N, C-alpha and C. Protein backbone atom coordinates (compact mmCIF):
# COMPACT_ATOMS: atom_id res chain seq x y z
N MET A 1 120.59 -83.97 31.44
CA MET A 1 121.84 -84.82 32.55
C MET A 1 122.72 -85.80 31.67
N GLY A 2 122.94 -85.27 32.91
CA GLY A 2 124.69 -85.84 32.69
C GLY A 2 124.42 -87.49 32.72
N SER A 3 125.71 -88.18 31.58
CA SER A 3 125.52 -89.67 31.41
C SER A 3 125.79 -90.20 32.32
N SER A 4 126.38 -89.68 33.44
CA SER A 4 126.44 -90.73 35.15
C SER A 4 124.90 -90.21 35.64
N LEU A 5 124.52 -89.60 36.03
CA LEU A 5 123.35 -89.38 36.47
C LEU A 5 122.05 -90.10 35.29
N GLN A 6 121.96 -90.29 33.89
CA GLN A 6 121.32 -90.94 34.14
C GLN A 6 121.21 -92.94 34.41
N GLN A 7 122.38 -92.56 34.33
CA GLN A 7 122.47 -94.15 34.92
C GLN A 7 123.04 -94.19 36.32
N GLN A 8 122.99 -94.07 37.03
CA GLN A 8 122.31 -93.96 38.40
C GLN A 8 120.81 -93.82 38.14
N ASP A 9 120.32 -92.65 37.82
CA ASP A 9 118.75 -92.85 37.45
C ASP A 9 117.72 -93.98 37.05
N ILE A 10 117.97 -94.98 36.50
CA ILE A 10 118.10 -96.15 35.49
C ILE A 10 117.90 -96.92 36.68
N ARG A 11 119.00 -97.09 37.11
CA ARG A 11 119.97 -98.00 38.29
C ARG A 11 119.18 -98.19 39.50
N VAL A 12 118.40 -96.95 39.75
CA VAL A 12 117.72 -96.78 40.94
C VAL A 12 116.24 -96.57 40.36
N ILE A 13 115.61 -96.65 39.14
CA ILE A 13 114.81 -97.70 38.90
C ILE A 13 114.22 -99.14 39.52
N LEU A 14 115.44 -99.96 38.43
CA LEU A 14 115.41 -101.72 38.27
C LEU A 14 116.28 -101.55 39.59
N ASP A 15 116.81 -101.18 40.41
CA ASP A 15 116.76 -101.18 41.54
C ASP A 15 115.47 -101.39 42.30
N ALA A 16 114.91 -100.64 42.63
CA ALA A 16 113.42 -100.70 43.01
C ALA A 16 112.04 -101.68 42.49
N LEU A 17 112.88 -101.71 40.83
CA LEU A 17 111.91 -102.70 39.97
C LEU A 17 111.69 -103.99 40.82
N ALA A 18 113.15 -105.04 41.31
CA ALA A 18 113.37 -105.60 41.51
C ALA A 18 112.13 -105.92 42.57
N PRO A 19 111.93 -105.24 43.84
CA PRO A 19 111.20 -106.38 44.90
C PRO A 19 109.71 -105.90 44.56
N ALA A 20 109.79 -104.73 44.30
CA ALA A 20 108.79 -105.20 43.77
C ALA A 20 107.99 -106.27 42.83
N GLY A 21 108.79 -107.50 42.21
CA GLY A 21 108.34 -108.13 41.26
C GLY A 21 107.81 -107.52 39.71
N GLY A 22 109.20 -106.73 39.68
CA GLY A 22 108.48 -105.97 38.51
C GLY A 22 107.49 -105.10 38.25
N HIS A 23 106.58 -105.31 38.95
CA HIS A 23 105.58 -104.66 39.19
C HIS A 23 105.77 -103.15 39.33
N ARG A 24 105.53 -102.12 38.24
CA ARG A 24 105.43 -100.87 37.77
C ARG A 24 104.49 -99.77 38.90
N LYS A 25 103.75 -100.10 38.85
CA LYS A 25 103.00 -99.03 39.48
C LYS A 25 103.13 -99.81 41.68
N GLN A 26 103.75 -100.37 41.62
CA GLN A 26 104.50 -100.42 43.24
C GLN A 26 105.22 -99.75 42.97
N THR A 27 105.87 -99.83 42.25
CA THR A 27 107.81 -99.38 41.95
C THR A 27 107.27 -98.01 41.88
N ALA A 28 106.85 -97.01 40.86
CA ALA A 28 105.94 -95.82 41.13
C ALA A 28 106.11 -95.42 42.87
N THR A 29 105.29 -96.09 43.00
CA THR A 29 104.89 -95.16 44.73
C THR A 29 105.95 -95.30 45.36
N ARG A 30 106.52 -96.93 45.29
CA ARG A 30 107.96 -96.60 46.59
C ARG A 30 108.99 -95.49 45.73
N LEU A 31 109.17 -95.20 44.50
CA LEU A 31 110.09 -93.68 44.06
C LEU A 31 109.41 -92.59 44.39
N GLY A 32 108.06 -92.96 44.16
CA GLY A 32 107.37 -91.48 44.73
C GLY A 32 107.22 -90.55 43.29
N ILE A 33 106.52 -91.18 42.79
CA ILE A 33 106.60 -90.86 40.87
C ILE A 33 105.69 -91.57 40.19
N SER A 34 104.72 -90.80 39.32
CA SER A 34 103.37 -91.45 39.22
C SER A 34 103.82 -93.11 37.79
N PRO A 35 102.50 -93.76 38.01
CA PRO A 35 103.33 -94.60 36.87
C PRO A 35 103.60 -94.02 35.73
N ARG A 36 103.05 -93.03 34.97
CA ARG A 36 103.09 -92.98 33.95
C ARG A 36 104.53 -91.79 33.63
N ARG A 37 104.69 -91.50 34.39
CA ARG A 37 106.56 -90.74 34.59
C ARG A 37 107.68 -91.83 35.04
N LEU A 38 107.06 -93.07 35.74
CA LEU A 38 108.04 -94.23 35.58
C LEU A 38 107.95 -94.86 33.98
N ALA A 39 106.69 -95.40 34.00
CA ALA A 39 106.90 -95.62 32.09
C ALA A 39 107.86 -94.23 30.97
N PHE A 40 107.92 -94.14 31.47
CA PHE A 40 108.46 -92.65 29.99
C PHE A 40 109.70 -92.80 30.39
N LYS A 41 109.76 -92.57 32.24
CA LYS A 41 111.89 -92.84 32.10
C LYS A 41 112.45 -94.14 30.97
N LEU A 42 111.25 -95.04 32.10
CA LEU A 42 111.64 -96.52 30.99
C LEU A 42 111.96 -96.46 29.48
N ALA A 43 110.56 -95.93 28.97
CA ALA A 43 111.10 -95.91 27.58
C ALA A 43 112.11 -94.87 26.96
N LEU A 44 112.34 -94.07 28.05
CA LEU A 44 113.21 -93.07 27.70
C LEU A 44 115.09 -93.68 27.63
N ARG A 45 114.95 -94.60 29.01
CA ARG A 45 116.30 -94.97 28.74
C ARG A 45 116.82 -95.95 28.31
N LEU A 46 115.82 -96.71 28.35
CA LEU A 46 116.27 -98.26 27.81
C LEU A 46 115.59 -98.01 26.33
N GLY A 47 115.10 -97.53 25.54
CA GLY A 47 115.18 -97.23 24.73
C GLY A 47 113.50 -97.89 23.50
N GLY A 48 112.72 -98.50 24.92
CA GLY A 48 111.77 -99.23 24.29
C GLY A 48 110.28 -98.54 23.65
N SER A 49 108.96 -99.21 24.18
CA SER A 49 107.74 -98.53 24.04
C SER A 49 107.18 -98.81 24.85
N ILE A 50 106.21 -98.10 25.99
CA ILE A 50 105.35 -99.20 26.76
C ILE A 50 104.49 -98.48 26.85
N GLN A 51 103.47 -99.80 26.79
CA GLN A 51 102.11 -99.50 27.03
C GLN A 51 101.48 -98.72 28.51
N ILE A 52 101.03 -97.59 27.49
CA ILE A 52 100.26 -97.04 28.96
C ILE A 52 98.58 -96.91 28.75
N SER A 53 97.99 -97.80 29.62
CA SER A 53 96.73 -97.61 29.05
C SER A 53 95.53 -96.61 30.66
N ALA A 54 94.49 -96.44 30.30
CA ALA A 54 94.37 -94.79 30.10
C ALA A 54 94.28 -95.88 32.25
N PRO A 55 94.09 -94.16 32.89
CA PRO A 55 93.33 -94.97 34.40
C PRO A 55 91.55 -95.44 34.14
């Protein structure tokens, strides 16, 4: 993935998080991805570690 595409990817995620009040499950549903995938993308792009609870 190119740098500008990565930046666009994280921008879309962050823009979707805001109206969902930061709720990752709602954001993932809105984006059409799993909550695990969302957590992975956030951790990968933002360099943090995100706890994922078992379903």
